[in-house]
Amino acid sequence: ANTLWVSMNSEPEAGHHFSLPLLHDLRAVGQALQA
């Protein structure tokens, strides 16, 4: 049914949390989806 899977990557040295680069990417994708 036209499903977009958005998978968060975490590099080992960055830890398994919301780094600034990951947050920027998720914001951009989320805002585009809402638009």
PDB file of all heavy atoms in Angstrom:
ATOM      1  N   ALA A   1       0.808  -1.229   0.000  1.00  0.00           N
ATOM      2  CA  ALA A   1       0.000   0.000   0.000  1.00  0.00           C
ATOM      3  C   ALA A   1       0.834   1.268   0.000  1.00  0.00           C
ATOM      4  O   ALA A   1       0.479   2.252   0.628  1.00  0.00           O
ATOM      5  CB  ALA A   1      -0.962  -0.010   1.189  1.00  0.00           C
ATOM      6  N   ASN A   2       1.960   1.263  -0.698  1.00  0.00           N
ATOM      7  CA  ASN A   2       2.844   2.432  -0.777  1.00  0.00           C
ATOM      8  C   ASN A   2       3.345   2.837   0.613  1.00  0.00           C
ATOM      9  O   ASN A   2       3.015   3.898   1.139  1.00  0.00           O
ATOM     10  CB  ASN A   2       2.155   3.606  -1.457  1.00  0.00           C
ATOM     11  CG  ASN A   2       2.074   3.438  -2.958  1.00  0.00           C
ATOM     12  OD1 ASN A   2       2.273   2.337  -3.474  1.00  0.00           O
ATOM     13  ND2 ASN A   2       1.782   4.515  -3.667  1.00  0.00           N
ATOM     14  N   THR A   3       4.155   1.956   1.177  1.00  0.00           N
ATOM     15  CA  THR A   3       4.702   2.163   2.520  1.00  0.00           C
ATOM     16  C   THR A   3       6.159   2.588   2.437  1.00  0.00           C
ATOM     17  O   THR A   3       6.970   1.927   1.775  1.00  0.00           O
ATOM     18  CB  THR A   3       4.586   0.872   3.352  1.00  0.00           C
ATOM     19  OG1 THR A   3       3.204   0.538   3.501  1.00  0.00           O
ATOM     20  CG2 THR A   3       5.213   1.056   4.728  1.00  0.00           C
ATOM     21  N   LEU A   4       6.488   3.664   3.133  1.00  0.00           N
ATOM     22  CA  LEU A   4       7.863   4.124   3.246  1.00  0.00           C
ATOM     23  C   LEU A   4       8.419   3.669   4.588  1.00  0.00           C
ATOM     24  O   LEU A   4       7.886   4.025   5.637  1.00  0.00           O
ATOM     25  CB  LEU A   4       7.933   5.648   3.152  1.00  0.00           C
ATOM     26  CG  LEU A   4       9.333   6.251   3.291  1.00  0.00           C
ATOM     27  CD1 LEU A   4      10.197   5.877   2.091  1.00  0.00           C
ATOM     28  CD2 LEU A   4       9.257   7.763   3.448  1.00  0.00           C
ATOM     29  N   TRP A   5       9.477   2.878   4.552  1.00  0.00           N
ATOM     30  CA  TRP A   5      10.155   2.415   5.763  1.00  0.00           C
ATOM     31  C   TRP A   5      11.352   3.337   6.006  1.00  0.00           C
ATOM     32  O   TRP A   5      12.223   3.463   5.145  1.00  0.00           O
ATOM     33  CB  TRP A   5      10.631   0.975   5.596  1.00  0.00           C
ATOM     34  CG  TRP A   5       9.517   0.003   5.360  1.00  0.00           C
ATOM     35  CD1 TRP A   5       8.846  -0.196   4.188  1.00  0.00           C
ATOM     36  CD2 TRP A   5       8.932  -0.892   6.304  1.00  0.00           C
ATOM     37  NE1 TRP A   5       7.883  -1.167   4.343  1.00  0.00           N
ATOM     38  CE2 TRP A   5       7.909  -1.605   5.634  1.00  0.00           C
ATOM     39  CE3 TRP A   5       9.176  -1.163   7.652  1.00  0.00           C
ATOM     40  CZ2 TRP A   5       7.139  -2.578   6.264  1.00  0.00           C
ATOM     41  CZ3 TRP A   5       8.406  -2.136   8.283  1.00  0.00           C
ATOM     42  CH2 TRP A   5       7.411  -2.827   7.604  1.00  0.00           C
ATOM     43  N   VAL A   6      11.381   3.976   7.164  1.00  0.00           N
ATOM     44  CA  VAL A   6      12.445   4.917   7.528  1.00  0.00           C
ATOM     45  C   VAL A   6      13.222   4.299   8.684  1.00  0.00           C
ATOM     46  O   VAL A   6      12.736   4.211   9.811  1.00  0.00           O
ATOM     47  CB  VAL A   6      11.866   6.284   7.936  1.00  0.00           C
ATOM     48  CG1 VAL A   6      12.991   7.254   8.301  1.00  0.00           C
ATOM     49  CG2 VAL A   6      11.004   6.856   6.819  1.00  0.00           C
ATOM     50  N   SER A   7      14.428   3.841   8.391  1.00  0.00           N
ATOM     51  CA  SER A   7      15.230   3.111   9.365  1.00  0.00           C
ATOM     52  C   SER A   7      16.351   3.996   9.892  1.00  0.00           C
ATOM     53  O   SER A   7      17.180   4.498   9.122  1.00  0.00           O
ATOM     54  CB  SER A   7      15.810   1.850   8.713  1.00  0.00           C
ATOM     55  OG  SER A   7      16.606   1.128   9.619  1.00  0.00           O
ATOM     56  N   MET A   8      16.383   4.179  11.207  1.00  0.00           N
ATOM     57  CA  MET A   8      17.414   5.002  11.846  1.00  0.00           C
ATOM     58  C   MET A   8      18.715   4.211  11.942  1.00  0.00           C
ATOM     59  O   MET A   8      18.742   3.112  12.501  1.00  0.00           O
ATOM     60  CB  MET A   8      16.974   5.433  13.242  1.00  0.00           C
ATOM     61  CG  MET A   8      15.730   6.291  13.271  1.00  0.00           C
ATOM     62  SD  MET A   8      15.268   6.780  14.950  1.00  0.00           S
ATOM     63  CE  MET A   8      14.622   5.214  15.598  1.00  0.00           C
ATOM     64  N   ASN A   9      19.780   4.781  11.410  1.00  0.00           N
ATOM     65  CA  ASN A   9      21.102   4.182  11.542  1.00  0.00           C
ATOM     66  C   ASN A   9      21.806   4.763  12.754  1.00  0.00           C
ATOM     67  O   ASN A   9      21.645   5.933  13.075  1.00  0.00           O
ATOM     68  CB  ASN A   9      21.953   4.465  10.299  1.00  0.00           C
ATOM     69  CG  ASN A   9      21.452   3.703   9.091  1.00  0.00           C
ATOM     70  OD1 ASN A   9      21.007   2.568   9.203  1.00  0.00           O
ATOM     71  ND2 ASN A   9      21.500   4.335   7.929  1.00  0.00           N
ATOM     72  N   SER A  10      22.610   3.941  13.419  1.00  0.00           N
ATOM     73  CA  SER A  10      23.431   4.451  14.527  1.00  0.00           C
ATOM     74  C   SER A  10      24.815   3.837  14.385  1.00  0.00           C
ATOM     75  O   SER A  10      24.979   2.631  14.429  1.00  0.00           O
ATOM     76  CB  SER A  10      22.827   4.081  15.889  1.00  0.00           C
ATOM     77  OG  SER A  10      22.710   2.692  16.033  1.00  0.00           O
ATOM     78  N   GLU A  11      25.796   4.698  14.190  1.00  0.00           N
ATOM     79  CA  GLU A  11      27.169   4.223  14.110  1.00  0.00           C
ATOM     80  C   GLU A  11      27.663   3.883  15.507  1.00  0.00           C
ATOM     81  O   GLU A  11      27.331   4.562  16.474  1.00  0.00           O
ATOM     82  CB  GLU A  11      28.045   5.310  13.483  1.00  0.00           C
ATOM     83  CG  GLU A  11      27.611   5.688  12.070  1.00  0.00           C
ATOM     84  CD  GLU A  11      28.391   6.856  11.526  1.00  0.00           C
ATOM     85  OE1 GLU A  11      29.297   7.334  12.241  1.00  0.00           O
ATOM     86  OE2 GLU A  11      28.102   7.287  10.407  1.00  0.00           O
ATOM     87  N   PRO A  12      28.471   2.810  15.658  1.00  0.00           N
ATOM     88  CA  PRO A  12      28.891   2.378  16.994  1.00  0.00           C
ATOM     89  C   PRO A  12      29.501   3.488  17.840  1.00  0.00           C
ATOM     90  O   PRO A  12      29.213   3.602  19.028  1.00  0.00           O
ATOM     91  CB  PRO A  12      29.916   1.272  16.691  1.00  0.00           C
ATOM     92  CG  PRO A  12      29.517   0.751  15.353  1.00  0.00           C
ATOM     93  CD  PRO A  12      28.979   1.932  14.600  1.00  0.00           C
ATOM     94  N   GLU A  13      30.326   4.339  17.212  1.00  0.00           N
ATOM     95  CA  GLU A  13      30.962   5.392  18.003  1.00  0.00           C
ATOM     96  C   GLU A  13      29.992   6.495  18.384  1.00  0.00           C
ATOM     97  O   GLU A  13      30.264   7.297  19.267  1.00  0.00           O
ATOM     98  CB  GLU A  13      32.139   5.984  17.232  1.00  0.00           C
ATOM     99  CG  GLU A  13      31.788   6.676  15.923  1.00  0.00           C
ATOM    100  CD  GLU A  13      31.724   5.721  14.745  1.00  0.00           C
ATOM    101  OE1 GLU A  13      31.674   4.503  14.978  1.00  0.00           O
ATOM    102  OE2 GLU A  13      31.724   6.200  13.595  1.00  0.00           O
ATOM    103  N   ALA A  14      28.836   6.567  17.700  1.00  0.00           N
ATOM    104  CA  ALA A  14      27.859   7.612  17.996  1.00  0.00           C
ATOM    105  C   ALA A  14      26.851   7.188  19.051  1.00  0.00           C
ATOM    106  O   ALA A  14      26.133   8.012  19.591  1.00  0.00           O
ATOM    107  CB  ALA A  14      27.134   8.022  16.719  1.00  0.00           C
ATOM    108  N   GLY A  15      26.791   5.917  19.351  1.00  0.00           N
ATOM    109  CA  GLY A  15      25.832   5.441  20.343  1.00  0.00           C
ATOM    110  C   GLY A  15      24.453   5.243  19.740  1.00  0.00           C
ATOM    111  O   GLY A  15      24.187   5.562  18.587  1.00  0.00           O
ATOM    112  N   HIS A  16      23.558   4.700  20.545  1.00  0.00           N
ATOM    113  CA  HIS A  16      22.214   4.349  20.093  1.00  0.00           C
ATOM    114  C   HIS A  16      21.217   5.391  20.594  1.00  0.00           C
ATOM    115  O   HIS A  16      20.284   5.078  21.335  1.00  0.00           O
ATOM    116  CB  HIS A  16      21.842   2.952  20.582  1.00  0.00           C
ATOM    117  CG  HIS A  16      22.851   1.908  20.234  1.00  0.00           C
ATOM    118  ND1 HIS A  16      23.069   1.482  18.944  1.00  0.00           N
ATOM    119  CD2 HIS A  16      23.741   1.234  21.007  1.00  0.00           C
ATOM    120  CE1 HIS A  16      24.023   0.568  18.933  1.00  0.00           C
ATOM    121  NE2 HIS A  16      24.447   0.406  20.169  1.00  0.00           N
ATOM    122  N   HIS A  17      21.429   6.633  20.213  1.00  0.00           N
ATOM    123  CA  HIS A  17      20.574   7.715  20.687  1.00  0.00           C
ATOM    124  C   HIS A  17      20.397   8.726  19.563  1.00  0.00           C
ATOM    125  O   HIS A  17      20.875   8.533  18.447  1.00  0.00           O
ATOM    126  CB  HIS A  17      21.199   8.375  21.918  1.00  0.00           C
ATOM    127  CG  HIS A  17      22.554   8.933  21.650  1.00  0.00           C
ATOM    128  ND1 HIS A  17      23.710   8.212  21.831  1.00  0.00           N
ATOM    129  CD2 HIS A  17      22.951  10.140  21.156  1.00  0.00           C
ATOM    130  CE1 HIS A  17      24.754   8.953  21.478  1.00  0.00           C
ATOM    131  NE2 HIS A  17      24.314  10.124  21.055  1.00  0.00           N
ATOM    132  N   PHE A  18      19.710   9.819  19.872  1.00  0.00           N
ATOM    133  CA  PHE A  18      19.433  10.835  18.866  1.00  0.00           C
ATOM    134  C   PHE A  18      20.592  11.821  18.778  1.00  0.00           C
ATOM    135  O   PHE A  18      20.622  12.840  19.475  1.00  0.00           O
ATOM    136  CB  PHE A  18      18.132  11.562  19.184  1.00  0.00           C
ATOM    137  CG  PHE A  18      16.901  10.730  18.956  1.00  0.00           C
ATOM    138  CD1 PHE A  18      15.978  10.550  19.967  1.00  0.00           C
ATOM    139  CD2 PHE A  18      16.675  10.110  17.735  1.00  0.00           C
ATOM    140  CE1 PHE A  18      14.833   9.790  19.764  1.00  0.00           C
ATOM    141  CE2 PHE A  18      15.542   9.347  17.516  1.00  0.00           C
ATOM    142  CZ  PHE A  18      14.626   9.187  18.533  1.00  0.00           C
ATOM    143  N   SER A  19      21.529  11.533  17.895  1.00  0.00           N
ATOM    144  CA  SER A  19      22.605  12.473  17.613  1.00  0.00           C
ATOM    145  C   SER A  19      22.035  13.639  16.815  1.00  0.00           C
ATOM    146  O   SER A  19      20.963  13.538  16.206  1.00  0.00           O
ATOM    147  CB  SER A  19      23.712  11.795  16.820  1.00  0.00           C
ATOM    148  OG  SER A  19      23.236  11.433  15.528  1.00  0.00           O
ATOM    149  N   LEU A  20      22.762  14.748  16.786  1.00  0.00           N
ATOM    150  CA  LEU A  20      22.295  15.896  16.007  1.00  0.00           C
ATOM    151  C   LEU A  20      22.110  15.567  14.526  1.00  0.00           C
ATOM    152  O   LEU A  20      21.078  15.928  13.937  1.00  0.00           O
ATOM    153  CB  LEU A  20      23.260  17.074  16.186  1.00  0.00           C
ATOM    154  CG  LEU A  20      23.119  17.858  17.493  1.00  0.00           C
ATOM    155  CD1 LEU A  20      24.280  18.836  17.649  1.00  0.00           C
ATOM    156  CD2 LEU A  20      21.784  18.604  17.535  1.00  0.00           C
ATOM    157  N   PRO A  21      23.063  14.872  13.876  1.00  0.00           N
ATOM    158  CA  PRO A  21      22.835  14.538  12.458  1.00  0.00           C
ATOM    159  C   PRO A  21      21.596  13.676  12.229  1.00  0.00           C
ATOM    160  O   PRO A  21      20.856  13.886  11.262  1.00  0.00           O
ATOM    161  CB  PRO A  21      24.119  13.800  12.067  1.00  0.00           C
ATOM    162  CG  PRO A  21      25.153  14.302  13.020  1.00  0.00           C
ATOM    163  CD  PRO A  21      24.426  14.490  14.310  1.00  0.00           C
ATOM    164  N   LEU A  22      21.354  12.704  13.119  1.00  0.00           N
ATOM    165  CA  LEU A  22      20.170  11.864  12.964  1.00  0.00           C
ATOM    166  C   LEU A  22      18.903  12.693  13.132  1.00  0.00           C
ATOM    167  O   LEU A  22      17.939  12.548  12.375  1.00  0.00           O
ATOM    168  CB  LEU A  22      20.204  10.726  13.986  1.00  0.00           C
ATOM    169  CG  LEU A  22      18.957   9.830  14.046  1.00  0.00           C
ATOM    170  CD1 LEU A  22      18.676   9.191  12.698  1.00  0.00           C
ATOM    171  CD2 LEU A  22      19.115   8.768  15.133  1.00  0.00           C
ATOM    172  N   LEU A  23      18.887  13.587  14.128  1.00  0.00           N
ATOM    173  CA  LEU A  23      17.713  14.428  14.342  1.00  0.00           C
ATOM    174  C   LEU A  23      17.429  15.309  13.126  1.00  0.00           C
ATOM    175  O   LEU A  23      16.273  15.468  12.717  1.00  0.00           O
ATOM    176  CB  LEU A  23      17.905  15.300  15.578  1.00  0.00           C
ATOM    177  CG  LEU A  23      17.773  14.594  16.929  1.00  0.00           C
ATOM    178  CD1 LEU A  23      18.208  15.532  18.056  1.00  0.00           C
ATOM    179  CD2 LEU A  23      16.338  14.119  17.170  1.00  0.00           C
ATOM    180  N   HIS A  24      18.462  15.880  12.539  1.00  0.00           N
ATOM    181  CA  HIS A  24      18.265  16.723  11.359  1.00  0.00           C
ATOM    182  C   HIS A  24      17.661  15.916  10.219  1.00  0.00           C
ATOM    183  O   HIS A  24      16.753  16.396   9.511  1.00  0.00           O
ATOM    184  CB  HIS A  24      19.586  17.355  10.931  1.00  0.00           C
ATOM    185  CG  HIS A  24      19.984  18.548  11.750  1.00  0.00           C
ATOM    186  ND1 HIS A  24      19.317  19.744  11.700  1.00  0.00           N
ATOM    187  CD2 HIS A  24      20.984  18.718  12.661  1.00  0.00           C
ATOM    188  CE1 HIS A  24      19.879  20.617  12.524  1.00  0.00           C
ATOM    189  NE2 HIS A  24      20.889  20.014  13.122  1.00  0.00           N
ATOM    190  N   ASP A  25      18.138  14.685  10.036  1.00  0.00           N
ATOM    191  CA  ASP A  25      17.590  13.848   8.969  1.00  0.00           C
ATOM    192  C   ASP A  25      16.139  13.474   9.244  1.00  0.00           C
ATOM    193  O   ASP A  25      15.290  13.527   8.344  1.00  0.00           O
ATOM    194  CB  ASP A  25      18.440  12.586   8.810  1.00  0.00           C
ATOM    195  CG  ASP A  25      19.747  12.850   8.083  1.00  0.00           C
ATOM    196  OD1 ASP A  25      19.974  13.997   7.661  1.00  0.00           O
ATOM    197  OD2 ASP A  25      20.554  11.901   7.946  1.00  0.00           O
ATOM    198  N   LEU A  26      15.836  13.091  10.486  1.00  0.00           N
ATOM    199  CA  LEU A  26      14.462  12.713  10.812  1.00  0.00           C
ATOM    200  C   LEU A  26      13.513  13.893  10.685  1.00  0.00           C
ATOM    201  O   LEU A  26      12.368  13.734  10.233  1.00  0.00           O
ATOM    202  CB  LEU A  26      14.405  12.146  12.233  1.00  0.00           C
ATOM    203  CG  LEU A  26      15.024  10.768  12.436  1.00  0.00           C
ATOM    204  CD1 LEU A  26      15.055  10.417  13.920  1.00  0.00           C
ATOM    205  CD2 LEU A  26      14.260   9.698  11.651  1.00  0.00           C
ATOM    206  N   ARG A  27      13.968  15.078  11.065  1.00  0.00           N
ATOM    207  CA  ARG A  27      13.116  16.260  10.912  1.00  0.00           C
ATOM    208  C   ARG A  27      12.814  16.522   9.438  1.00  0.00           C
ATOM    209  O   ARG A  27      11.667  16.774   9.054  1.00  0.00           O
ATOM    210  CB  ARG A  27      13.772  17.489  11.535  1.00  0.00           C
ATOM    211  CG  ARG A  27      12.935  18.762  11.375  1.00  0.00           C
ATOM    212  CD  ARG A  27      13.615  19.972  11.961  1.00  0.00           C
ATOM    213  NE  ARG A  27      14.880  20.283  11.313  1.00  0.00           N
ATOM    214  CZ  ARG A  27      15.639  21.327  11.624  1.00  0.00           C
ATOM    215  NH1 ARG A  27      15.272  22.158  12.579  1.00  0.00           N
ATOM    216  NH2 ARG A  27      16.778  21.542  10.991  1.00  0.00           N
ATOM    217  N   ALA A  28      13.845  16.459   8.610  1.00  0.00           N
ATOM    218  CA  ALA A  28      13.645  16.726   7.179  1.00  0.00           C
ATOM    219  C   ALA A  28      12.682  15.726   6.558  1.00  0.00           C
ATOM    220  O   ALA A  28      11.775  16.097   5.790  1.00  0.00           O
ATOM    221  CB  ALA A  28      14.994  16.702   6.462  1.00  0.00           C
ATOM    222  N   VAL A  29      12.857  14.450   6.893  1.00  0.00           N
ATOM    223  CA  VAL A  29      11.975  13.421   6.340  1.00  0.00           C
ATOM    224  C   VAL A  29      10.555  13.603   6.856  1.00  0.00           C
ATOM    225  O   VAL A  29       9.578  13.546   6.089  1.00  0.00           O
ATOM    226  CB  VAL A  29      12.500  12.019   6.677  1.00  0.00           C
ATOM    227  CG1 VAL A  29      11.510  10.951   6.225  1.00  0.00           C
ATOM    228  CG2 VAL A  29      13.853  11.785   6.031  1.00  0.00           C
ATOM    229  N   GLY A  30      10.407  13.837   8.175  1.00  0.00           N
ATOM    230  CA  GLY A  30       9.074  14.015   8.747  1.00  0.00           C
ATOM    231  C   GLY A  30       8.352  15.217   8.169  1.00  0.00           C
ATOM    232  O   GLY A  30       7.156  15.150   7.861  1.00  0.00           O
ATOM    233  N   GLN A  31       9.062  16.316   8.008  1.00  0.00           N
ATOM    234  CA  GLN A  31       8.428  17.506   7.448  1.00  0.00           C
ATOM    235  C   GLN A  31       8.026  17.287   5.996  1.00  0.00           C
ATOM    236  O   GLN A  31       6.977  17.760   5.558  1.00  0.00           O
ATOM    237  CB  GLN A  31       9.367  18.702   7.589  1.00  0.00           C
ATOM    238  CG  GLN A  31       9.521  19.169   9.033  1.00  0.00           C
ATOM    239  CD  GLN A  31      10.538  20.284   9.190  1.00  0.00           C
ATOM    240  OE1 GLN A  31      11.364  20.525   8.311  1.00  0.00           O
ATOM    241  NE2 GLN A  31      10.492  20.966  10.325  1.00  0.00           N
ATOM    242  N   ALA A  32       8.851  16.570   5.246  1.00  0.00           N
ATOM    243  CA  ALA A  32       8.502  16.284   3.862  1.00  0.00           C
ATOM    244  C   ALA A  32       7.277  15.373   3.777  1.00  0.00           C
ATOM    245  O   ALA A  32       6.396  15.562   2.933  1.00  0.00           O
ATOM    246  CB  ALA A  32       9.681  15.649   3.143  1.00  0.00           C
ATOM    247  N   LEU A  33       7.202  14.409   4.655  1.00  0.00           N
ATOM    248  CA  LEU A  33       6.042  13.528   4.675  1.00  0.00           C
ATOM    249  C   LEU A  33       4.775  14.306   4.987  1.00  0.00           C
ATOM    250  O   LEU A  33       3.725  14.091   4.377  1.00  0.00           O
ATOM    251  CB  LEU A  33       6.242  12.414   5.711  1.00  0.00           C
ATOM    252  CG  LEU A  33       7.217  11.305   5.331  1.00  0.00           C
ATOM    253  CD1 LEU A  33       7.563  10.462   6.542  1.00  0.00           C
ATOM    254  CD2 LEU A  33       6.642  10.449   4.220  1.00  0.00           C
ATOM    255  N   GLN A  34       4.851  15.218   5.933  1.00  0.00           N
ATOM    256  CA  GLN A  34       3.667  16.000   6.278  1.00  0.00           C
ATOM    257  C   GLN A  34       3.244  16.905   5.130  1.00  0.00           C
ATOM    258  O   GLN A  34       2.074  17.231   4.975  1.00  0.00           O
ATOM    259  CB  GLN A  34       3.932  16.828   7.539  1.00  0.00           C
ATOM    260  CG  GLN A  34       4.066  16.000   8.802  1.00  0.00           C
ATOM    261  CD  GLN A  34       2.807  15.220   9.138  1.00  0.00           C
ATOM    262  OE1 GLN A  34       1.722  15.519   8.648  1.00  0.00           O
ATOM    263  NE2 GLN A  34       2.936  14.204   9.964  1.00  0.00           N
ATOM    264  N   ALA A  35       4.216  17.302   4.304  1.00  0.00           N
ATOM    265  CA  ALA A  35       3.899  18.166   3.167  1.00  0.00           C
ATOM    266  C   ALA A  35       3.378  17.375   1.973  1.00  0.00           C
ATOM    267  O   ALA A  35       3.013  17.954   0.959  1.00  0.00           O
ATOM    268  CB  ALA A  35       5.149  18.956   2.762  1.00  0.00           C
TER     269      ALA A  35
END
